[in-house]
Structures are given as C-alpha cells and as structure tokens.
Amino acid sequence: LPYAKKAVALQEEYQEAVRRELELLNTTLVIGVLRRW
C-alpha cells in the first residue's frame, strides 16, 4: 500500500508537470535573436 500510494502520487505529479510544460510551450514563444539584436 505505501509504495502504491507513492507511485501513484509520483505519476500524478509528473503528469501535472507535463501538462504545465505543454501548456507553456503552446502559449509561450521562444524566439532567438542575434547578439546585436
């Protein structure tokens, strides 16, 4: 039981992290610029 709870909590944690990151990637533009921009 305690290991199952930890495993499920970890899965939920990484799924939420992935969701936030994908949301950020879809709404934030990463734009590169030359040094004397």
PDB file of all heavy atoms in Angstrom:
ATOM      1  N   LEU A   1       0.798  -1.240   0.000  1.00  0.00           N
ATOM      2  CA  LEU A   1       0.000   0.000   0.000  1.00  0.00           C
ATOM      3  C   LEU A   1       0.831   1.291   0.000  1.00  0.00           C
ATOM      4  O   LEU A   1       0.588   2.163  -0.848  1.00  0.00           O
ATOM      5  CB  LEU A   1      -0.964  -0.012   1.188  1.00  0.00           C
ATOM      6  CG  LEU A   1      -1.896   1.206   1.295  1.00  0.00           C
ATOM      7  CD1 LEU A   1      -2.799   1.295   0.076  1.00  0.00           C
ATOM      8  CD2 LEU A   1      -2.722   1.131   2.589  1.00  0.00           C
ATOM      9  N   PRO A   2       1.800   1.474   0.904  1.00  0.00           N
ATOM     10  CA  PRO A   2       2.535   2.761   0.889  1.00  0.00           C
ATOM     11  C   PRO A   2       3.318   2.991  -0.402  1.00  0.00           C
ATOM     12  O   PRO A   2       3.444   4.132  -0.873  1.00  0.00           O
ATOM     13  CB  PRO A   2       3.476   2.646   2.102  1.00  0.00           C
ATOM     14  CG  PRO A   2       3.573   1.188   2.399  1.00  0.00           C
ATOM     15  CD  PRO A   2       2.258   0.604   2.009  1.00  0.00           C
ATOM     16  N   TYR A   3       3.812   1.907  -0.992  1.00  0.00           N
ATOM     17  CA  TYR A   3       4.554   2.044  -2.250  1.00  0.00           C
ATOM     18  C   TYR A   3       3.613   2.387  -3.406  1.00  0.00           C
ATOM     19  O   TYR A   3       3.966   3.180  -4.294  1.00  0.00           O
ATOM     20  CB  TYR A   3       5.317   0.750  -2.555  1.00  0.00           C
ATOM     21  CG  TYR A   3       6.355   0.422  -1.508  1.00  0.00           C
ATOM     22  CD1 TYR A   3       6.106  -0.549  -0.541  1.00  0.00           C
ATOM     23  CD2 TYR A   3       7.573   1.112  -1.468  1.00  0.00           C
ATOM     24  CE1 TYR A   3       7.047  -0.843   0.433  1.00  0.00           C
ATOM     25  CE2 TYR A   3       8.524   0.817  -0.490  1.00  0.00           C
ATOM     26  CZ  TYR A   3       8.251  -0.153   0.460  1.00  0.00           C
ATOM     27  OH  TYR A   3       9.184  -0.428   1.419  1.00  0.00           O
ATOM     28  N   ALA A   4       2.416   1.786  -3.372  1.00  0.00           N
ATOM     29  CA  ALA A   4       1.431   2.095  -4.405  1.00  0.00           C
ATOM     30  C   ALA A   4       1.036   3.569  -4.322  1.00  0.00           C
ATOM     31  O   ALA A   4       0.897   4.256  -5.347  1.00  0.00           O
ATOM     32  CB  ALA A   4       0.205   1.209  -4.257  1.00  0.00           C
ATOM     33  N   LYS A   5       0.847   4.071  -3.094  1.00  0.00           N
ATOM     34  CA  LYS A   5       0.487   5.483  -2.914  1.00  0.00           C
ATOM     35  C   LYS A   5       1.590   6.405  -3.434  1.00  0.00           C
ATOM     36  O   LYS A   5       1.325   7.416  -4.095  1.00  0.00           O
ATOM     37  CB  LYS A   5       0.205   5.764  -1.442  1.00  0.00           C
ATOM     38  CG  LYS A   5      -1.110   5.169  -0.945  1.00  0.00           C
ATOM     39  CD  LYS A   5      -1.356   5.521   0.514  1.00  0.00           C
ATOM     40  CE  LYS A   5      -2.721   5.016   0.977  1.00  0.00           C
ATOM     41  NZ  LYS A   5      -2.968   5.334   2.413  1.00  0.00           N
ATOM     42  N   LYS A   6       2.842   6.062  -3.154  1.00  0.00           N
ATOM     43  CA  LYS A   6       3.960   6.872  -3.643  1.00  0.00           C
ATOM     44  C   LYS A   6       4.043   6.844  -5.175  1.00  0.00           C
ATOM     45  O   LYS A   6       4.271   7.873  -5.816  1.00  0.00           O
ATOM     46  CB  LYS A   6       5.280   6.362  -3.055  1.00  0.00           C
ATOM     47  CG  LYS A   6       5.462   6.662  -1.578  1.00  0.00           C
ATOM     48  CD  LYS A   6       6.801   6.121  -1.080  1.00  0.00           C
ATOM     49  CE  LYS A   6       6.976   6.381   0.409  1.00  0.00           C
ATOM     50  NZ  LYS A   6       8.266   5.833   0.918  1.00  0.00           N
ATOM     51  N   ALA A   7       3.849   5.647  -5.748  1.00  0.00           N
ATOM     52  CA  ALA A   7       3.940   5.508  -7.208  1.00  0.00           C
ATOM     53  C   ALA A   7       2.846   6.307  -7.900  1.00  0.00           C
ATOM     54  O   ALA A   7       3.091   7.012  -8.884  1.00  0.00           O
ATOM     55  CB  ALA A   7       3.866   4.036  -7.596  1.00  0.00           C
ATOM     56  N   VAL A   8       1.620   6.205  -7.379  1.00  0.00           N
ATOM     57  CA  VAL A   8       0.504   6.932  -7.974  1.00  0.00           C
ATOM     58  C   VAL A   8       0.685   8.437  -7.809  1.00  0.00           C
ATOM     59  O   VAL A   8       0.418   9.218  -8.726  1.00  0.00           O
ATOM     60  CB  VAL A   8      -0.830   6.458  -7.371  1.00  0.00           C
ATOM     61  CG1 VAL A   8      -1.974   7.374  -7.792  1.00  0.00           C
ATOM     62  CG2 VAL A   8      -1.119   5.017  -7.788  1.00  0.00           C
ATOM     63  N   ALA A   9       1.153   8.856  -6.627  1.00  0.00           N
ATOM     64  CA  ALA A   9       1.387  10.288  -6.393  1.00  0.00           C
ATOM     65  C   ALA A   9       2.461  10.814  -7.334  1.00  0.00           C
ATOM     66  O   ALA A   9       2.343  11.928  -7.874  1.00  0.00           O
ATOM     67  CB  ALA A   9       1.800  10.517  -4.942  1.00  0.00           C
ATOM     68  N   LEU A  10       3.515  10.011  -7.557  1.00  0.00           N
ATOM     69  CA  LEU A  10       4.583  10.428  -8.461  1.00  0.00           C
ATOM     70  C   LEU A  10       4.066  10.534  -9.893  1.00  0.00           C
ATOM     71  O   LEU A  10       4.406  11.478 -10.619  1.00  0.00           O
ATOM     72  CB  LEU A  10       5.744   9.438  -8.393  1.00  0.00           C
ATOM     73  CG  LEU A  10       6.976   9.770  -9.244  1.00  0.00           C
ATOM     74  CD1 LEU A  10       7.583  11.105  -8.823  1.00  0.00           C
ATOM     75  CD2 LEU A  10       8.011   8.661  -9.147  1.00  0.00           C
ATOM     76  N   GLN A  11       3.227   9.566 -10.297  1.00  0.00           N
ATOM     77  CA  GLN A  11       2.661   9.620 -11.637  1.00  0.00           C
ATOM     78  C   GLN A  11       1.805  10.875 -11.810  1.00  0.00           C
ATOM     79  O   GLN A  11       1.894  11.572 -12.825  1.00  0.00           O
ATOM     80  CB  GLN A  11       1.820   8.385 -11.921  1.00  0.00           C
ATOM     81  CG  GLN A  11       1.293   8.351 -13.359  1.00  0.00           C
ATOM     82  CD  GLN A  11       0.081   7.469 -13.540  1.00  0.00           C
ATOM     83  OE1 GLN A  11      -0.727   7.328 -12.625  1.00  0.00           O
ATOM     84  NE2 GLN A  11      -0.061   6.884 -14.713  1.00  0.00           N
ATOM     85  N   GLU A  12       0.976  11.173 -10.829  1.00  0.00           N
ATOM     86  CA  GLU A  12       0.128  12.361 -10.913  1.00  0.00           C
ATOM     87  C   GLU A  12       0.973  13.629 -10.947  1.00  0.00           C
ATOM     88  O   GLU A  12       0.654  14.591 -11.652  1.00  0.00           O
ATOM     89  CB  GLU A  12      -0.838  12.392  -9.727  1.00  0.00           C
ATOM     90  CG  GLU A  12      -1.887  11.288  -9.784  1.00  0.00           C
ATOM     91  CD  GLU A  12      -2.750  11.235  -8.539  1.00  0.00           C
ATOM     92  OE1 GLU A  12      -2.373  11.900  -7.531  1.00  0.00           O
ATOM     93  OE2 GLU A  12      -3.783  10.535  -8.547  1.00  0.00           O
ATOM     94  N   GLU A  13       2.090  13.609 -10.204  1.00  0.00           N
ATOM     95  CA  GLU A  13       2.978  14.776 -10.171  1.00  0.00           C
ATOM     96  C   GLU A  13       3.631  15.015 -11.528  1.00  0.00           C
ATOM     97  O   GLU A  13       3.657  16.145 -12.034  1.00  0.00           O
ATOM     98  CB  GLU A  13       4.058  14.570  -9.107  1.00  0.00           C
ATOM     99  CG  GLU A  13       4.997  15.758  -8.951  1.00  0.00           C
ATOM    100  CD  GLU A  13       6.060  15.507  -7.894  1.00  0.00           C
ATOM    101  OE1 GLU A  13       5.836  14.659  -7.002  1.00  0.00           O
ATOM    102  OE2 GLU A  13       7.124  16.160  -7.961  1.00  0.00           O
ATOM    103  N   TYR A  14       4.144  13.957 -12.155  1.00  0.00           N
ATOM    104  CA  TYR A  14       4.810  14.161 -13.448  1.00  0.00           C
ATOM    105  C   TYR A  14       3.796  14.461 -14.555  1.00  0.00           C
ATOM    106  O   TYR A  14       4.077  15.228 -15.473  1.00  0.00           O
ATOM    107  CB  TYR A  14       5.719  12.973 -13.800  1.00  0.00           C
ATOM    108  CG  TYR A  14       5.146  11.878 -14.653  1.00  0.00           C
ATOM    109  CD1 TYR A  14       4.919  12.051 -16.024  1.00  0.00           C
ATOM    110  CD2 TYR A  14       4.855  10.634 -14.110  1.00  0.00           C
ATOM    111  CE1 TYR A  14       4.408  11.046 -16.809  1.00  0.00           C
ATOM    112  CE2 TYR A  14       4.338   9.613 -14.889  1.00  0.00           C
ATOM    113  CZ  TYR A  14       4.118   9.814 -16.235  1.00  0.00           C
ATOM    114  OH  TYR A  14       3.604   8.817 -17.009  1.00  0.00           O
ATOM    115  N   GLN A  15       2.587  13.882 -14.451  1.00  0.00           N
ATOM    116  CA  GLN A  15       1.562  14.208 -15.443  1.00  0.00           C
ATOM    117  C   GLN A  15       1.182  15.683 -15.363  1.00  0.00           C
ATOM    118  O   GLN A  15       0.974  16.337 -16.391  1.00  0.00           O
ATOM    119  CB  GLN A  15       0.334  13.327 -15.229  1.00  0.00           C
ATOM    120  CG  GLN A  15       0.523  11.882 -15.689  1.00  0.00           C
ATOM    121  CD  GLN A  15      -0.690  11.017 -15.407  1.00  0.00           C
ATOM    122  OE1 GLN A  15      -1.481  11.298 -14.496  1.00  0.00           O
ATOM    123  NE2 GLN A  15      -0.853   9.953 -16.189  1.00  0.00           N
ATOM    124  N   GLU A  16       1.093  16.218 -14.154  1.00  0.00           N
ATOM    125  CA  GLU A  16       0.781  17.628 -13.995  1.00  0.00           C
ATOM    126  C   GLU A  16       1.917  18.499 -14.505  1.00  0.00           C
ATOM    127  O   GLU A  16       1.696  19.539 -15.138  1.00  0.00           O
ATOM    128  CB  GLU A  16       0.517  17.930 -12.510  1.00  0.00           C
ATOM    129  CG  GLU A  16       0.283  19.393 -12.182  1.00  0.00           C
ATOM    130  CD  GLU A  16      -0.912  20.009 -12.891  1.00  0.00           C
ATOM    131  OE1 GLU A  16      -1.793  19.251 -13.356  1.00  0.00           O
ATOM    132  OE2 GLU A  16      -0.969  21.247 -12.981  1.00  0.00           O
ATOM    133  N   ALA A  17       3.165  18.059 -14.253  1.00  0.00           N
ATOM    134  CA  ALA A  17       4.330  18.814 -14.742  1.00  0.00           C
ATOM    135  C   ALA A  17       4.349  18.831 -16.269  1.00  0.00           C
ATOM    136  O   ALA A  17       4.625  19.876 -16.880  1.00  0.00           O
ATOM    137  CB  ALA A  17       5.620  18.202 -14.199  1.00  0.00           C
ATOM    138  N   VAL A  18       4.051  17.685 -16.881  1.00  0.00           N
ATOM    139  CA  VAL A  18       3.999  17.615 -18.345  1.00  0.00           C
ATOM    140  C   VAL A  18       2.885  18.501 -18.879  1.00  0.00           C
ATOM    141  O   VAL A  18       3.059  19.225 -19.867  1.00  0.00           O
ATOM    142  CB  VAL A  18       3.805  16.156 -18.812  1.00  0.00           C
ATOM    143  CG1 VAL A  18       3.492  16.097 -20.307  1.00  0.00           C
ATOM    144  CG2 VAL A  18       5.052  15.332 -18.514  1.00  0.00           C
ATOM    145  N   ARG A  19       1.723  18.470 -18.217  1.00  0.00           N
ATOM    146  CA  ARG A  19       0.597  19.307 -18.649  1.00  0.00           C
ATOM    147  C   ARG A  19       0.965  20.793 -18.605  1.00  0.00           C
ATOM    148  O   ARG A  19       0.692  21.539 -19.545  1.00  0.00           O
ATOM    149  CB  ARG A  19      -0.619  19.052 -17.754  1.00  0.00           C
ATOM    150  CG  ARG A  19      -1.881  19.798 -18.193  1.00  0.00           C
ATOM    151  CD  ARG A  19      -2.917  19.834 -17.098  1.00  0.00           C
ATOM    152  NE  ARG A  19      -2.476  20.611 -15.958  1.00  0.00           N
ATOM    153  CZ  ARG A  19      -2.450  21.949 -15.937  1.00  0.00           C
ATOM    154  NH1 ARG A  19      -2.839  22.645 -16.989  1.00  0.00           N
ATOM    155  NH2 ARG A  19      -2.037  22.581 -14.864  1.00  0.00           N
ATOM    156  N   ARG A  20       1.610  21.214 -17.516  1.00  0.00           N
ATOM    157  CA  ARG A  20       2.007  22.627 -17.391  1.00  0.00           C
ATOM    158  C   ARG A  20       3.029  23.009 -18.447  1.00  0.00           C
ATOM    159  O   ARG A  20       2.970  24.093 -19.011  1.00  0.00           O
ATOM    160  CB  ARG A  20       2.573  22.901 -15.991  1.00  0.00           C
ATOM    161  CG  ARG A  20       1.547  22.882 -14.875  1.00  0.00           C
ATOM    162  CD  ARG A  20       2.100  23.551 -13.625  1.00  0.00           C
ATOM    163  NE  ARG A  20       3.357  22.951 -13.207  1.00  0.00           N
ATOM    164  CZ  ARG A  20       3.463  21.967 -12.328  1.00  0.00           C
ATOM    165  NH1 ARG A  20       2.369  21.455 -11.770  1.00  0.00           N
ATOM    166  NH2 ARG A  20       4.638  21.471 -11.983  1.00  0.00           N
ATOM    167  N   GLU A  21       3.974  22.093 -18.695  1.00  0.00           N
ATOM    168  CA  GLU A  21       5.019  22.388 -19.672  1.00  0.00           C
ATOM    169  C   GLU A  21       4.432  22.486 -21.076  1.00  0.00           C
ATOM    170  O   GLU A  21       4.791  23.379 -21.848  1.00  0.00           O
ATOM    171  CB  GLU A  21       6.104  21.309 -19.637  1.00  0.00           C
ATOM    172  CG  GLU A  21       7.298  21.581 -20.538  1.00  0.00           C
ATOM    173  CD  GLU A  21       8.061  22.823 -20.163  1.00  0.00           C
ATOM    174  OE1 GLU A  21       7.981  23.259 -18.996  1.00  0.00           O
ATOM    175  OE2 GLU A  21       8.748  23.387 -21.050  1.00  0.00           O
ATOM    176  N   LEU A  22       3.522  21.572 -21.412  1.00  0.00           N
ATOM    177  CA  LEU A  22       2.897  21.625 -22.731  1.00  0.00           C
ATOM    178  C   LEU A  22       2.052  22.882 -22.882  1.00  0.00           C
ATOM    179  O   LEU A  22       2.024  23.505 -23.945  1.00  0.00           O
ATOM    180  CB  LEU A  22       2.030  20.386 -22.949  1.00  0.00           C
ATOM    181  CG  LEU A  22       2.771  19.065 -23.154  1.00  0.00           C
ATOM    182  CD1 LEU A  22       1.796  17.904 -23.231  1.00  0.00           C
ATOM    183  CD2 LEU A  22       3.624  19.125 -24.420  1.00  0.00           C
ATOM    184  N   GLU A  23       1.391  23.274 -21.820  1.00  0.00           N
ATOM    185  CA  GLU A  23       0.592  24.499 -21.846  1.00  0.00           C
ATOM    186  C   GLU A  23       1.489  25.708 -22.071  1.00  0.00           C
ATOM    187  O   GLU A  23       1.176  26.620 -22.840  1.00  0.00           O
ATOM    188  CB  GLU A  23      -0.170  24.644 -20.531  1.00  0.00           C
ATOM    189  CG  GLU A  23      -1.104  25.838 -20.486  1.00  0.00           C
ATOM    190  CD  GLU A  23      -1.849  25.915 -19.173  1.00  0.00           C
ATOM    191  OE1 GLU A  23      -1.222  26.338 -18.168  1.00  0.00           O
ATOM    192  OE2 GLU A  23      -3.033  25.564 -19.128  1.00  0.00           O
ATOM    193  N   LEU A  24       2.652  25.695 -21.391  1.00  0.00           N
ATOM    194  CA  LEU A  24       3.609  26.793 -21.545  1.00  0.00           C
ATOM    195  C   LEU A  24       4.161  26.837 -22.959  1.00  0.00           C
ATOM    196  O   LEU A  24       4.270  27.903 -23.577  1.00  0.00           O
ATOM    197  CB  LEU A  24       4.749  26.626 -20.541  1.00  0.00           C
ATOM    198  CG  LEU A  24       5.801  27.739 -20.500  1.00  0.00           C
ATOM    199  CD1 LEU A  24       5.159  29.043 -20.021  1.00  0.00           C
ATOM    200  CD2 LEU A  24       6.955  27.363 -19.588  1.00  0.00           C
ATOM    201  N   LEU A  25       4.486  25.656 -23.510  1.00  0.00           N
ATOM    202  CA  LEU A  25       5.031  25.594 -24.863  1.00  0.00           C
ATOM    203  C   LEU A  25       4.029  26.073 -25.897  1.00  0.00           C
ATOM    204  O   LEU A  25       4.393  26.667 -26.915  1.00  0.00           O
ATOM    205  CB  LEU A  25       5.478  24.165 -25.189  1.00  0.00           C
ATOM    206  CG  LEU A  25       6.737  23.665 -24.477  1.00  0.00           C
ATOM    207  CD1 LEU A  25       6.957  22.188 -24.776  1.00  0.00           C
ATOM    208  CD2 LEU A  25       7.954  24.472 -24.876  1.00  0.00           C
ATOM    209  N   ASN A  26       2.758  25.816 -25.632  1.00  0.00           N
ATOM    210  CA  ASN A  26       1.729  26.197 -26.592  1.00  0.00           C
ATOM    211  C   ASN A  26       1.360  27.671 -26.519  1.00  0.00           C
ATOM    212  O   ASN A  26       0.745  28.211 -27.426  1.00  0.00           O
ATOM    213  CB  ASN A  26       0.468  25.341 -26.380  1.00  0.00           C
ATOM    214  CG  ASN A  26       0.670  23.908 -26.843  1.00  0.00           C
ATOM    215  OD1 ASN A  26       1.420  23.663 -27.779  1.00  0.00           O
ATOM    216  ND2 ASN A  26       0.026  22.969 -26.180  1.00  0.00           N
ATOM    217  N   THR A  27       1.711  28.330 -25.411  1.00  0.00           N
ATOM    218  CA  THR A  27       1.336  29.736 -25.255  1.00  0.00           C
ATOM    219  C   THR A  27       2.535  30.671 -25.224  1.00  0.00           C
ATOM    220  O   THR A  27       2.377  31.870 -25.391  1.00  0.00           O
ATOM    221  CB  THR A  27       0.533  29.937 -23.955  1.00  0.00           C
ATOM    222  OG1 THR A  27       1.314  29.487 -22.835  1.00  0.00           O
ATOM    223  CG2 THR A  27      -0.763  29.162 -23.996  1.00  0.00           C
ATOM    224  N   THR A  28       3.727  30.132 -24.992  1.00  0.00           N
ATOM    225  CA  THR A  28       4.929  30.946 -24.931  1.00  0.00           C
ATOM    226  C   THR A  28       5.758  30.743 -26.185  1.00  0.00           C
ATOM    227  O   THR A  28       6.043  29.610 -26.566  1.00  0.00           O
ATOM    228  CB  THR A  28       5.778  30.593 -23.691  1.00  0.00           C
ATOM    229  OG1 THR A  28       5.011  30.820 -22.517  1.00  0.00           O
ATOM    230  CG2 THR A  28       7.040  31.450 -23.642  1.00  0.00           C
ATOM    231  N   LEU A  29       6.150  31.842 -26.818  1.00  0.00           N
ATOM    232  CA  LEU A  29       7.009  31.762 -27.992  1.00  0.00           C
ATOM    233  C   LEU A  29       8.456  31.911 -27.561  1.00  0.00           C
ATOM    234  O   LEU A  29       8.814  32.881 -26.894  1.00  0.00           O
ATOM    235  CB  LEU A  29       6.651  32.866 -28.982  1.00  0.00           C
ATOM    236  CG  LEU A  29       5.313  32.731 -29.707  1.00  0.00           C
ATOM    237  CD1 LEU A  29       5.068  33.960 -30.574  1.00  0.00           C
ATOM    238  CD2 LEU A  29       5.277  31.476 -30.564  1.00  0.00           C
ATOM    239  N   VAL A  30       9.270  30.943 -27.931  1.00  0.00           N
ATOM    240  CA  VAL A  30      10.710  31.043 -27.701  1.00  0.00           C
ATOM    241  C   VAL A  30      11.317  31.610 -28.983  1.00  0.00           C
ATOM    242  O   VAL A  30      11.249  30.976 -30.039  1.00  0.00           O
ATOM    243  CB  VAL A  30      11.325  29.674 -27.360  1.00  0.00           C
ATOM    244  CG1 VAL A  30      12.836  29.820 -27.149  1.00  0.00           C
ATOM    245  CG2 VAL A  30      10.659  29.085 -26.120  1.00  0.00           C
ATOM    246  N   ILE A  31      11.869  32.812 -28.894  1.00  0.00           N
ATOM    247  CA  ILE A  31      12.393  33.495 -30.073  1.00  0.00           C
ATOM    248  C   ILE A  31      13.872  33.797 -29.868  1.00  0.00           C
ATOM    249  O   ILE A  31      14.258  34.460 -28.907  1.00  0.00           O
ATOM    250  CB  ILE A  31      11.619  34.796 -30.362  1.00  0.00           C
ATOM    251  CG1 ILE A  31      10.121  34.484 -30.536  1.00  0.00           C
ATOM    252  CG2 ILE A  31      12.168  35.475 -31.606  1.00  0.00           C
ATOM    253  CD1 ILE A  31       9.266  35.693 -30.823  1.00  0.00           C
ATOM    254  N   GLY A  32      14.680  33.277 -30.768  1.00  0.00           N
ATOM    255  CA  GLY A  32      16.111  33.516 -30.702  1.00  0.00           C
ATOM    256  C   GLY A  32      16.480  34.793 -31.441  1.00  0.00           C
ATOM    257  O   GLY A  32      15.831  35.177 -32.412  1.00  0.00           O
ATOM    258  N   VAL A  33      17.519  35.448 -30.958  1.00  0.00           N
ATOM    259  CA  VAL A  33      17.962  36.694 -31.591  1.00  0.00           C
ATOM    260  C   VAL A  33      19.487  36.690 -31.711  1.00  0.00           C
ATOM    261  O   VAL A  33      20.190  36.084 -30.908  1.00  0.00           O
ATOM    262  CB  VAL A  33      17.510  37.938 -30.794  1.00  0.00           C
ATOM    263  CG1 VAL A  33      16.001  38.079 -30.815  1.00  0.00           C
ATOM    264  CG2 VAL A  33      18.013  37.891 -29.355  1.00  0.00           C
ATOM    265  N   LEU A  34      19.989  37.397 -32.745  1.00  0.00           N
ATOM    266  CA  LEU A  34      21.418  37.560 -32.887  1.00  0.00           C
ATOM    267  C   LEU A  34      21.937  38.492 -31.799  1.00  0.00           C
ATOM    268  O   LEU A  34      21.187  39.266 -31.202  1.00  0.00           O
ATOM    269  CB  LEU A  34      21.771  38.093 -34.264  1.00  0.00           C
ATOM    270  CG  LEU A  34      21.280  39.481 -34.711  1.00  0.00           C
ATOM    271  CD1 LEU A  34      21.972  39.853 -36.022  1.00  0.00           C
ATOM    272  CD2 LEU A  34      19.774  39.530 -34.930  1.00  0.00           C
ATOM    273  N   ARG A  35      23.239  38.445 -31.545  1.00  0.00           N
ATOM    274  CA  ARG A  35      23.791  39.123 -30.373  1.00  0.00           C
ATOM    275  C   ARG A  35      23.617  40.645 -30.409  1.00  0.00           C
ATOM    276  O   ARG A  35      23.437  41.268 -29.376  1.00  0.00           O
ATOM    277  CB  ARG A  35      25.269  38.757 -30.218  1.00  0.00           C
ATOM    278  CG  ARG A  35      25.464  37.292 -29.814  1.00  0.00           C
ATOM    279  CD  ARG A  35      26.857  37.026 -29.292  1.00  0.00           C
ATOM    280  NE  ARG A  35      26.963  35.685 -28.745  1.00  0.00           N
ATOM    281  CZ  ARG A  35      27.427  34.642 -29.392  1.00  0.00           C
ATOM    282  NH1 ARG A  35      27.820  34.776 -30.647  1.00  0.00           N
ATOM    283  NH2 ARG A  35      27.499  33.471 -28.823  1.00  0.00           N
ATOM    284  N   ARG A  36      23.677  41.256 -31.596  1.00  0.00           N
ATOM    285  CA  ARG A  36      23.496  42.701 -31.686  1.00  0.00           C
ATOM    286  C   ARG A  36      22.049  43.024 -32.101  1.00  0.00           C
ATOM    287  O   ARG A  36      21.806  43.882 -32.951  1.00  0.00           O
ATOM    288  CB  ARG A  36      24.508  43.312 -32.669  1.00  0.00           C
ATOM    289  CG  ARG A  36      25.961  43.172 -32.198  1.00  0.00           C
ATOM    290  CD  ARG A  36      26.903  43.959 -33.091  1.00  0.00           C
ATOM    291  NE  ARG A  36      26.622  45.383 -33.053  1.00  0.00           N
ATOM    292  CZ  ARG A  36      27.093  46.229 -32.134  1.00  0.00           C
ATOM    293  NH1 ARG A  36      27.871  45.781 -31.176  1.00  0.00           N
ATOM    294  NH2 ARG A  36      26.786  47.515 -32.182  1.00  0.00           N
ATOM    295  N   TRP A  37      21.099  42.362 -31.487  1.00  0.00           N
ATOM    296  CA  TRP A  37      19.705  42.462 -31.893  1.00  0.00           C
ATOM    297  C   TRP A  37      19.105  43.832 -31.643  1.00  0.00           C
ATOM    298  O   TRP A  37      18.166  44.251 -32.308  1.00  0.00           O
ATOM    299  CB  TRP A  37      18.886  41.382 -31.211  1.00  0.00           C
ATOM    300  CG  TRP A  37      18.839  41.433 -29.711  1.00  0.00           C
ATOM    301  CD1 TRP A  37      19.880  41.332 -28.861  1.00  0.00           C
ATOM    302  CD2 TRP A  37      17.669  41.550 -28.903  1.00  0.00           C
ATOM    303  NE1 TRP A  37      19.451  41.385 -27.571  1.00  0.00           N
ATOM    304  CE2 TRP A  37      18.100  41.515 -27.561  1.00  0.00           C
ATOM    305  CE3 TRP A  37      16.313  41.672 -29.171  1.00  0.00           C
ATOM    306  CZ2 TRP A  37      17.223  41.608 -26.485  1.00  0.00           C
ATOM    307  CZ3 TRP A  37      15.440  41.761 -28.099  1.00  0.00           C
ATOM    308  CH2 TRP A  37      15.895  41.729 -26.770  1.00  0.00           C
TER     309      TRP A  37
END
